[in-house]
């Protein structure tokens, strides 16, 4: 009996240990599930906030705003050397493929500027934004003033509509079309173009936060063209800070973003600050933790009984990173916007200058020249004074590209032979920066 009781005690102790271990595992599992639940239960933006934002967005339609714009760009010597080397290789590759038998004044001025890239470049000008029901037109003009005293007047037009974006970054009525001068790029989207980050560098000077602040669009639609998915990161009496992250349309999946927005409760939940982070898993922590692009509001105004943004700035830190806890960068671009006038406007239709060449990327399929899935069809605006439909584009594409061997006969690809270095300075910078 004594032996039996001893065995029973051992078995009882073993069972107790098993039960204790099971309880520990259970408690650990409960803690993990609770943590996940807390993360999943992170509050989303309340419906009343969505309603207030949509109400204000609706009230600001059919308005025209005029903005004073000042831009300053600062670059390190090392960054300019890399940029100059890239531009030189690009120009040499074009010269080896295409005959250079034409020159244009804007290109000549750009080539002269490339001989000695300044560390500081200043711009000053004016932007006019007209927003109708489903279409936004941005017309801008400004002068580039470099340290060497050279001045380049730049004019451009952009249209943002439902499923459609048109980018004419450089317009010169005295010149023909070539490179980025007088060439309008047409891109198709699934929703309103103002909410997308355009896949072409020609439209990168107008990002979604710019258009939200310039024309009163919904800030919760930025980048993803979808107001769902924002979570409240923190909140106090003045601001509701919301955040969203993940891959975005029109950008490679290996470049996901994290966007944080401060919504001002005292001004109808208008954005007070927007921070844009690169959120790629392969990015080093000292780069990933820095908001390399920041939009900051400095003043609101009440116009016709509705609050709107009156002054804001955009700052971009090229290769922004932390070194010993301090922000360092290879270059900085700052744009200051100041509202000058508010009026009424109506956009009846898309209207481009007569001498513009349209490069329409609406067709889907593989391009016979470069093998990409972006096929561009080129046509003169003055011949149609409208955008061509899909059947017209297909017919024109067959004429321009009858066989892959006849690529040289296309007017569009001949136009690309004269891509000016100004594309590298003003527009190509965006593509180079984002790849870095």
Protein backbone atom coordinates (compact mmCIF):
# COMPACT_ATOMS: atom_id res chain seq x y z
CA UNK A 1 0.00 0.00 0.00
CA UNK A 2 2.82 2.33 0.81
CA UNK A 3 4.44 1.65 -2.56
CA UNK A 4 1.12 2.21 -4.31
CA UNK A 5 0.57 5.49 -2.50
CA UNK A 6 4.04 6.66 -3.49
CA UNK A 7 3.34 5.89 -7.15
CA UNK A 8 0.05 7.72 -6.93
CA UNK A 9 1.82 10.73 -5.47
CA UNK A 10 4.35 10.73 -8.30
CA UNK A 11 1.61 10.52 -10.88
CA UNK A 12 -0.30 13.27 -9.12
CA UNK A 13 2.80 15.50 -9.08
CA UNK A 14 3.39 14.83 -12.76
CA UNK A 15 -0.19 15.73 -13.57
CA UNK A 16 0.14 18.95 -11.56
CA UNK A 17 3.29 19.92 -13.44
CA UNK A 18 1.56 19.25 -16.76
CA UNK A 19 -1.41 21.34 -15.71
CA UNK A 20 0.88 24.16 -14.56
CA UNK A 21 2.77 24.11 -17.86
CA UNK A 22 -0.50 24.06 -19.79
CA UNK A 23 -1.72 27.07 -17.83
CA UNK A 24 1.51 28.96 -18.56
CA UNK A 25 1.21 28.24 -22.28
CA UNK A 26 -2.46 29.23 -22.15
CA UNK A 27 -1.69 32.50 -20.38
CA UNK A 28 1.08 33.23 -22.89
CA UNK A 29 -1.23 32.52 -25.78
CA UNK A 30 -3.90 34.74 -24.26
CA UNK A 31 -1.35 37.55 -23.87
CA UNK A 32 -0.28 37.22 -27.51
CA UNK A 33 -3.87 37.16 -28.73
CA UNK A 34 -4.65 40.17 -26.55
CA UNK A 35 -1.72 42.09 -28.05
CA UNK A 36 -2.83 41.24 -31.58
CA UNK A 37 -6.39 42.24 -30.69
CA UNK A 38 -5.16 45.57 -29.37
CA UNK A 39 -3.32 46.21 -32.62
CA UNK A 40 -6.30 45.15 -34.69
CA UNK A 41 -8.59 47.23 -32.53
CA UNK A 42 -6.62 50.43 -33.18
CA UNK A 43 -9.36 53.01 -33.72
CA UNK A 44 -10.21 54.03 -37.25
CA UNK A 45 -11.26 57.50 -38.35
CA UNK A 46 -14.80 58.16 -37.03
CA UNK A 47 -17.62 58.46 -39.63
CA UNK A 48 -18.39 62.03 -38.52
CA UNK A 49 -14.86 63.08 -39.52
CA UNK A 50 -15.32 61.52 -42.97
CA UNK A 51 -18.63 63.38 -43.34
CA UNK A 52 -17.12 66.73 -42.33
CA UNK A 53 -14.25 66.33 -44.79
CA UNK A 54 -16.56 65.34 -47.66
CA UNK A 55 -18.88 68.27 -46.90
CA UNK A 56 -16.06 70.80 -47.12
CA UNK A 57 -14.68 69.14 -50.26
CA UNK A 58 -18.07 69.52 -51.95
CA UNK A 59 -18.35 73.19 -50.95
CA UNK A 60 -15.03 74.11 -52.58
CA UNK A 61 -15.91 72.92 -56.10
CA UNK A 62 -16.03 75.39 -59.00
CA UNK A 63 -13.40 77.60 -57.35
CA UNK A 64 -10.29 79.20 -58.80
CA UNK A 65 -7.36 80.00 -56.54
CA UNK A 66 -4.20 81.94 -57.33
CA UNK A 67 -1.05 81.14 -55.39
CA UNK A 68 2.29 82.89 -55.00
CA UNK A 69 5.03 80.26 -55.07
CA UNK A 70 8.66 80.46 -53.99
CA UNK A 71 11.06 77.54 -54.38
CA UNK A 72 14.61 77.05 -53.14
CA UNK A 73 16.78 74.00 -53.83
CA UNK A 74 20.08 73.30 -52.11
CA UNK A 75 22.46 70.51 -53.14
CA UNK A 76 25.79 69.24 -51.85
CA UNK A 77 28.84 69.13 -54.15
CA UNK A 78 28.89 65.32 -54.03
CA UNK A 79 25.25 65.08 -55.07
CA UNK A 80 25.75 67.50 -57.97
CA UNK A 81 28.77 65.54 -59.20
CA UNK A 82 26.72 62.34 -59.25
CA UNK A 83 23.87 64.13 -61.02
CA UNK A 84 26.18 65.67 -63.61
CA UNK A 85 27.78 62.29 -64.29
CA UNK A 86 24.37 60.66 -64.73
CA UNK A 87 23.22 63.42 -67.08
CA UNK A 88 26.41 63.15 -69.13
CA UNK A 89 26.03 59.39 -69.58
CA UNK A 90 22.37 59.85 -70.50
CA UNK A 91 23.23 62.46 -73.14
CA UNK A 92 26.04 60.30 -74.58
CA UNK A 93 23.69 57.31 -74.86
CA UNK A 94 21.17 59.42 -76.77
CA UNK A 95 23.85 60.79 -79.07
CA UNK A 96 25.00 57.26 -79.89
CA UNK A 97 21.48 56.16 -80.86
CA UNK A 98 19.86 59.23 -82.37
CA UNK A 99 21.23 61.92 -84.74
CA UNK A 100 21.35 65.33 -83.12
CA UNK A 101 20.40 67.60 -86.00
CA UNK A 102 18.06 70.02 -84.26
CA UNK A 103 18.52 72.52 -81.45
CA UNK A 104 16.01 74.49 -79.45
CA UNK A 105 16.44 77.57 -77.30
CA UNK A 106 15.22 76.00 -74.05
CA UNK A 107 17.53 73.05 -74.56
CA UNK A 108 20.49 75.27 -75.37
CA UNK A 109 19.94 77.22 -72.16
CA UNK A 110 19.65 74.01 -70.19
CA UNK A 111 22.90 72.67 -71.67
CA UNK A 112 24.67 75.86 -70.67
CA UNK A 113 23.34 75.52 -67.14
CA UNK A 114 24.59 71.94 -67.00
CA UNK A 115 28.18 73.10 -67.51
CA UNK A 116 28.23 74.34 -63.91
CA UNK A 117 25.43 73.13 -61.74
CA UNK A 118 24.82 75.59 -58.87
CA UNK A 119 24.48 74.54 -55.24
CA UNK A 120 21.45 76.79 -54.84
CA UNK A 121 18.60 77.22 -57.32
CA UNK A 122 15.73 79.64 -56.71
CA UNK A 123 12.31 79.83 -58.36
CA UNK A 124 9.53 82.37 -58.07
CA UNK A 125 6.22 82.40 -59.82
CA UNK A 126 2.47 81.97 -59.72
CA UNK A 127 0.11 79.00 -59.87
CA UNK A 128 -3.55 79.08 -60.83
CA UNK A 129 -5.77 76.18 -59.77
CA UNK A 130 -9.26 75.74 -61.18
CA UNK A 131 -11.41 72.94 -59.82
CA UNK A 132 -14.75 72.01 -61.36
CA UNK A 133 -16.92 69.06 -60.42
CA UNK A 134 -14.61 66.26 -61.60
CA UNK A 135 -11.69 68.08 -63.23
CA UNK A 136 -8.78 70.12 -61.85
CA UNK A 137 -6.57 72.34 -63.99
CA UNK A 138 -3.24 73.65 -62.69
CA UNK A 139 -1.41 76.28 -64.73
CA UNK A 140 1.92 77.50 -63.47
CA UNK A 141 4.67 79.86 -64.53
CA UNK A 142 7.89 80.58 -62.73
CA UNK A 143 11.47 81.64 -63.34
CA UNK A 144 14.54 79.65 -62.37
CA UNK A 145 17.31 81.88 -61.03
CA UNK A 146 20.65 80.14 -60.53
CA UNK A 147 23.77 81.40 -58.77
CA UNK A 148 25.43 81.95 -62.15
CA UNK A 149 22.69 84.45 -63.03
CA UNK A 150 21.02 82.42 -65.76
CA UNK A 151 17.23 82.65 -65.86
CA UNK A 152 14.86 80.11 -67.38
CA UNK A 153 11.15 80.89 -67.64
CA UNK A 154 9.08 77.75 -67.23
CA UNK A 155 5.38 77.35 -67.96
CA UNK A 156 3.34 74.21 -67.51
CA UNK A 157 -0.19 72.83 -67.45
CA UNK A 158 -1.67 69.77 -65.76
CA UNK A 159 -5.15 68.27 -65.75
CA UNK A 160 -6.42 65.83 -63.12
CA UNK A 161 -9.72 64.11 -63.77
CA UNK A 162 -11.71 60.97 -63.06
CA UNK A 163 -9.43 58.23 -64.35
CA UNK A 164 -7.27 60.66 -66.34
CA UNK A 165 -4.09 62.66 -65.81
CA UNK A 166 -2.44 65.00 -68.35
CA UNK A 167 1.01 66.45 -67.61
CA UNK A 168 2.59 69.19 -69.72
CA UNK A 169 5.58 70.12 -67.53
CA UNK A 170 7.24 72.56 -69.95
CA UNK A 171 5.41 74.69 -72.48
CA UNK A 172 7.06 77.15 -74.84
CA UNK A 173 4.84 78.69 -77.58
CA UNK A 174 7.93 79.68 -79.60
CA UNK A 175 9.19 76.13 -80.04
CA UNK A 176 8.20 72.82 -81.56
CA UNK A 177 7.69 69.65 -79.57
CA UNK A 178 10.67 67.61 -78.43
CA UNK A 179 11.79 65.82 -75.30
CA UNK A 180 9.83 67.27 -72.40
CA UNK A 181 9.19 70.63 -74.10
CA UNK A 182 5.62 70.88 -75.43
CA UNK A 183 4.98 67.16 -74.87
CA UNK A 184 1.84 66.30 -72.87
CA UNK A 185 1.85 62.88 -71.21
CA UNK A 186 -1.56 61.20 -70.85
CA UNK A 187 -1.93 58.55 -68.12
CA UNK A 188 -5.07 56.54 -67.31
CA UNK A 189 -6.08 55.63 -63.75
CA UNK A 190 -8.92 53.71 -62.12
CA UNK A 191 -10.05 56.67 -59.99
CA UNK A 192 -9.43 60.42 -59.80
CA UNK A 193 -5.87 61.20 -60.92
CA UNK A 194 -5.33 63.83 -58.20
CA UNK A 195 -5.06 61.10 -55.56
CA UNK A 196 -2.35 59.07 -57.29
CA UNK A 197 1.41 59.45 -57.34
CA UNK A 198 1.99 59.54 -61.10
CA UNK A 199 4.31 56.83 -62.47
CA UNK A 200 6.04 59.35 -64.77
CA UNK A 201 8.50 61.98 -63.45
CA UNK A 202 6.71 64.64 -65.51
CA UNK A 203 3.96 64.93 -62.90
CA UNK A 204 5.93 64.52 -59.68
CA UNK A 205 5.90 68.24 -58.82
CA UNK A 206 2.19 67.85 -58.06
CA UNK A 207 1.74 65.12 -55.50
CA UNK A 208 -1.58 64.29 -53.80
CA UNK A 209 -0.87 66.41 -50.66
CA UNK A 210 -0.11 69.42 -52.90
CA UNK A 211 -3.46 69.08 -54.67
CA UNK A 212 -5.30 68.47 -51.40
CA UNK A 213 -3.95 71.72 -49.96
CA UNK A 214 -4.25 73.71 -53.19
CA UNK A 215 -7.82 72.74 -54.10
CA UNK A 216 -9.47 71.37 -50.96
CA UNK A 217 -9.64 67.69 -51.88
CA UNK A 218 -10.21 64.89 -49.37
CA UNK A 219 -6.92 64.27 -47.50
CA UNK A 220 -7.98 60.71 -46.61
CA UNK A 221 -7.93 59.79 -50.32
CA UNK A 222 -4.25 60.64 -50.78
CA UNK A 223 -1.96 58.11 -52.48
CA UNK A 224 -4.34 55.13 -52.22
CA UNK A 225 -7.46 56.81 -53.73
CA UNK A 226 -9.40 55.10 -50.93
CA UNK A 227 -10.49 56.73 -47.67
CA UNK A 228 -10.62 53.40 -45.80
CA UNK A 229 -7.69 51.95 -43.87
CA UNK A 230 -6.61 55.03 -41.90
CA UNK A 231 -6.10 54.46 -38.16
CA UNK A 232 -5.87 57.02 -35.37
CA UNK A 233 -2.25 56.95 -34.17
CA UNK A 234 -2.76 59.56 -31.44
CA UNK A 235 -5.14 62.35 -30.56
CA UNK A 236 -5.31 65.43 -28.34
CA UNK A 237 -7.59 68.44 -27.97
CA UNK A 238 -6.26 70.11 -31.14
CA UNK A 239 -5.20 67.35 -33.57
CA UNK A 240 -6.23 63.90 -34.66
CA UNK A 241 -3.17 62.14 -36.08
CA UNK A 242 -4.06 59.41 -38.56
CA UNK A 243 -1.77 56.98 -40.35
CA UNK A 244 -1.87 54.58 -43.25
CA UNK A 245 0.78 52.37 -44.81
CA UNK A 246 1.30 49.80 -47.54
CA UNK A 247 1.98 49.55 -51.25
CA UNK A 248 0.30 52.19 -53.38
CA UNK A 249 -1.04 52.16 -56.95
CA UNK A 250 1.29 53.34 -59.73
CA UNK A 251 4.42 52.64 -57.68
CA UNK A 252 6.50 49.47 -57.52
CA UNK A 253 5.45 47.07 -54.77
CA UNK A 254 8.97 47.12 -53.29
CA UNK A 255 8.47 50.81 -52.38
CA UNK A 256 5.60 50.83 -49.83
CA UNK A 257 4.79 54.09 -48.05
CA UNK A 258 3.80 55.16 -44.58
CA UNK A 259 1.84 58.42 -44.48
CA UNK A 260 0.90 60.33 -41.33
CA UNK A 261 -1.59 63.23 -41.35
CA UNK A 262 -2.40 65.76 -38.61
CA UNK A 263 -6.08 66.77 -38.92
CA UNK A 264 -6.89 70.12 -37.28
CA UNK A 265 -10.09 69.87 -35.21
CA UNK A 266 -10.42 73.65 -34.89
CA UNK A 267 -10.48 74.12 -38.68
CA UNK A 268 -12.88 71.47 -39.87
CA UNK A 269 -10.32 68.65 -39.88
CA UNK A 270 -8.19 70.32 -42.54
CA UNK A 271 -4.70 68.82 -42.79
CA UNK A 272 -2.17 70.66 -40.63
CA UNK A 273 0.81 68.48 -41.42
CA UNK A 274 1.56 65.53 -43.72
CA UNK A 275 4.60 63.29 -43.36
CA UNK A 276 5.59 60.78 -46.01
CA UNK A 277 7.96 57.91 -45.16
CA UNK A 278 9.50 55.17 -47.25
CA UNK A 279 8.46 51.95 -45.52
CA UNK A 280 10.40 49.31 -47.48
CA UNK A 281 11.59 46.40 -45.29
CA UNK A 282 15.03 46.46 -46.93
CA UNK A 283 15.57 50.13 -46.05
CA UNK A 284 18.11 50.84 -43.30
CA UNK A 285 16.54 52.08 -40.02
CA UNK A 286 18.36 55.43 -40.20
CA UNK A 287 16.55 56.11 -43.51
CA UNK A 288 13.24 54.45 -42.69
CA UNK A 289 12.67 56.50 -39.53
CA UNK A 290 12.96 59.87 -41.29
CA UNK A 291 10.06 61.68 -42.98
CA UNK A 292 11.86 62.68 -46.16
CA UNK A 293 8.87 64.69 -47.41
CA UNK A 294 6.83 67.02 -45.21
CA UNK A 295 3.89 69.32 -45.96
CA UNK A 296 3.32 71.92 -43.22
CA UNK A 297 0.45 74.43 -42.97
CA UNK A 298 1.27 77.79 -41.39
CA UNK A 299 -2.03 79.69 -41.86
CA UNK A 300 -5.72 79.07 -42.47
CA UNK A 301 -8.31 81.54 -43.79
CA UNK A 302 -12.08 81.63 -43.70
CA UNK A 303 -13.43 82.36 -47.19
CA UNK A 304 -17.18 82.48 -47.87
CA UNK A 305 -17.80 80.88 -44.49
CA UNK A 306 -15.53 77.88 -45.14
CA UNK A 307 -12.07 77.29 -43.70
CA UNK A 308 -9.31 76.68 -46.20
CA UNK A 309 -5.52 76.53 -46.24
CA UNK A 310 -3.92 79.90 -46.98
CA UNK A 311 -0.20 79.21 -46.51
CA UNK A 312 1.79 75.99 -46.49
CA UNK A 313 5.24 74.66 -47.33
CA UNK A 314 6.65 71.48 -48.79
CA UNK A 315 10.12 70.22 -47.81
CA UNK A 316 11.94 67.31 -49.38
CA UNK A 317 15.18 65.96 -47.89
CA UNK A 318 17.23 64.14 -50.50
CA UNK A 319 18.67 60.99 -48.93
CA UNK A 320 17.40 62.18 -45.56
CA UNK A 321 18.77 59.98 -42.75
CA UNK A 322 19.75 59.98 -39.11
CA UNK A 323 23.44 60.09 -38.14
CA UNK A 324 24.08 59.99 -34.39
CA UNK A 325 20.47 61.06 -33.87
CA UNK A 326 20.79 64.09 -36.18
CA UNK A 327 19.02 64.61 -39.52
CA UNK A 328 21.45 64.89 -42.44
CA UNK A 329 20.79 64.98 -46.18
CA UNK A 330 22.47 65.47 -49.56
CA UNK A 331 20.06 68.15 -50.67
CA UNK A 332 16.88 69.98 -49.69
CA UNK A 333 14.01 71.38 -51.69
CA UNK A 334 11.52 73.76 -50.11
CA UNK A 335 8.40 75.21 -51.75
CA UNK A 336 6.36 77.93 -50.06
CA UNK A 337 2.76 78.57 -51.17
CA UNK A 338 0.73 81.66 -50.27
CA UNK A 339 -2.91 82.11 -51.29
CA UNK A 340 -3.47 85.43 -53.09
CA UNK A 341 -6.99 85.28 -54.52
CA UNK A 342 -10.12 83.11 -54.54
CA UNK A 343 -12.72 83.25 -57.30
CA UNK A 344 -15.08 81.12 -59.34
CA UNK A 345 -14.29 79.02 -62.39
CA UNK A 346 -15.75 76.38 -64.67
CA UNK A 347 -13.80 73.93 -66.81
CA UNK A 348 -15.82 72.99 -69.88
CA UNK A 349 -13.25 70.76 -71.57
CA UNK A 350 -9.56 69.95 -71.79
CA UNK A 351 -7.72 72.57 -73.83
CA UNK A 352 -4.03 72.35 -74.74
CA UNK A 353 -1.84 74.67 -76.87
CA UNK A 354 -1.81 73.96 -80.63
CA UNK A 355 1.88 73.07 -80.90
CA UNK A 356 1.73 70.36 -78.22
CA UNK A 357 2.57 66.74 -79.02
CA UNK A 358 0.41 64.30 -77.06
CA UNK A 359 2.10 61.12 -75.81
CA UNK A 360 -0.86 58.96 -74.85
CA UNK A 361 -0.14 55.91 -72.67
CA UNK A 362 -3.78 54.76 -72.51
CA UNK A 363 -3.28 51.53 -74.45
CA UNK A 364 -2.39 48.44 -72.48
CA UNK A 365 0.02 45.92 -73.94
CA UNK A 366 3.66 45.33 -74.70
CA UNK A 367 5.55 48.05 -76.51
CA UNK A 368 7.41 46.68 -79.57
CA UNK A 369 10.36 49.04 -79.12
CA UNK A 370 11.20 48.88 -75.43
CA UNK A 371 9.27 45.75 -74.48
CA UNK A 372 7.46 47.43 -71.59
CA UNK A 373 3.74 47.34 -70.90
CA UNK A 374 3.43 51.09 -71.47
CA UNK A 375 2.70 51.81 -75.12
CA UNK A 376 2.70 55.47 -76.12
CA UNK A 377 0.82 56.76 -79.16
CA UNK A 378 1.84 60.21 -80.40
CA UNK A 379 -0.35 62.75 -82.16
CA UNK A 380 -0.52 66.51 -82.59
CA UNK A 381 -3.15 68.24 -80.49
CA UNK A 382 -4.05 70.70 -83.26
CA UNK A 383 -5.09 67.82 -85.53
CA UNK A 384 -7.86 66.64 -83.20
CA UNK A 385 -8.22 69.16 -80.32
CA UNK A 386 -9.34 66.31 -78.10
CA UNK A 387 -8.06 63.05 -76.63
CA UNK A 388 -8.44 60.06 -78.93
CA UNK A 389 -10.59 57.10 -77.97
CA UNK A 390 -9.29 53.53 -77.69
CA UNK A 391 -10.12 52.49 -81.28
CA UNK A 392 -8.47 55.61 -82.68
CA UNK A 393 -5.38 55.00 -80.57
CA UNK A 394 -5.14 51.39 -81.74
CA UNK A 395 -5.38 52.41 -85.40
CA UNK A 396 -2.75 55.12 -84.95
CA UNK A 397 -0.50 52.75 -83.04
CA UNK A 398 -0.52 50.26 -85.93
CA UNK A 399 0.56 53.04 -88.29
CA UNK A 400 3.34 54.25 -86.04
CA UNK A 401 4.62 50.76 -85.21
CA UNK A 402 3.86 48.48 -88.19
CA UNK A 403 6.83 46.26 -87.36
CA UNK A 404 9.40 46.35 -84.54
CA UNK A 405 12.17 46.91 -87.11
CA UNK A 406 10.59 50.17 -88.25
CA UNK A 407 10.84 51.87 -84.89
CA UNK A 408 12.78 54.78 -86.39
CA UNK A 409 9.79 55.89 -88.46
CA UNK A 410 7.72 56.91 -85.44
CA UNK A 411 7.32 60.62 -84.92
CA UNK A 412 7.12 60.02 -81.20
CA UNK A 413 10.46 58.24 -80.93
CA UNK A 414 12.09 60.85 -83.17
CA UNK A 415 10.78 63.44 -80.74
CA UNK A 416 12.46 61.58 -77.91
CA UNK A 417 15.78 62.07 -79.69
CA UNK A 418 15.75 65.65 -78.48
CA UNK A 419 15.17 65.02 -74.79
CA UNK A 420 16.67 68.16 -73.25
CA UNK A 421 18.97 68.12 -70.24
CA UNK A 422 16.39 70.28 -68.50
CA UNK A 423 14.44 67.06 -67.98
CA UNK A 424 17.32 65.88 -65.82
CA UNK A 425 17.40 69.13 -63.85
CA UNK A 426 13.71 69.82 -63.32
CA UNK A 427 11.87 66.58 -63.85
CA UNK A 428 14.26 63.64 -63.93
CA UNK A 429 15.41 64.62 -60.45
CA UNK A 430 12.28 63.03 -59.03
CA UNK A 431 12.94 59.66 -60.60
CA UNK A 432 16.61 59.66 -59.58
CA UNK A 433 15.82 60.72 -56.02
CA UNK A 434 13.14 58.11 -55.46
CA UNK A 435 15.30 55.29 -56.75
CA UNK A 436 17.93 56.30 -54.24
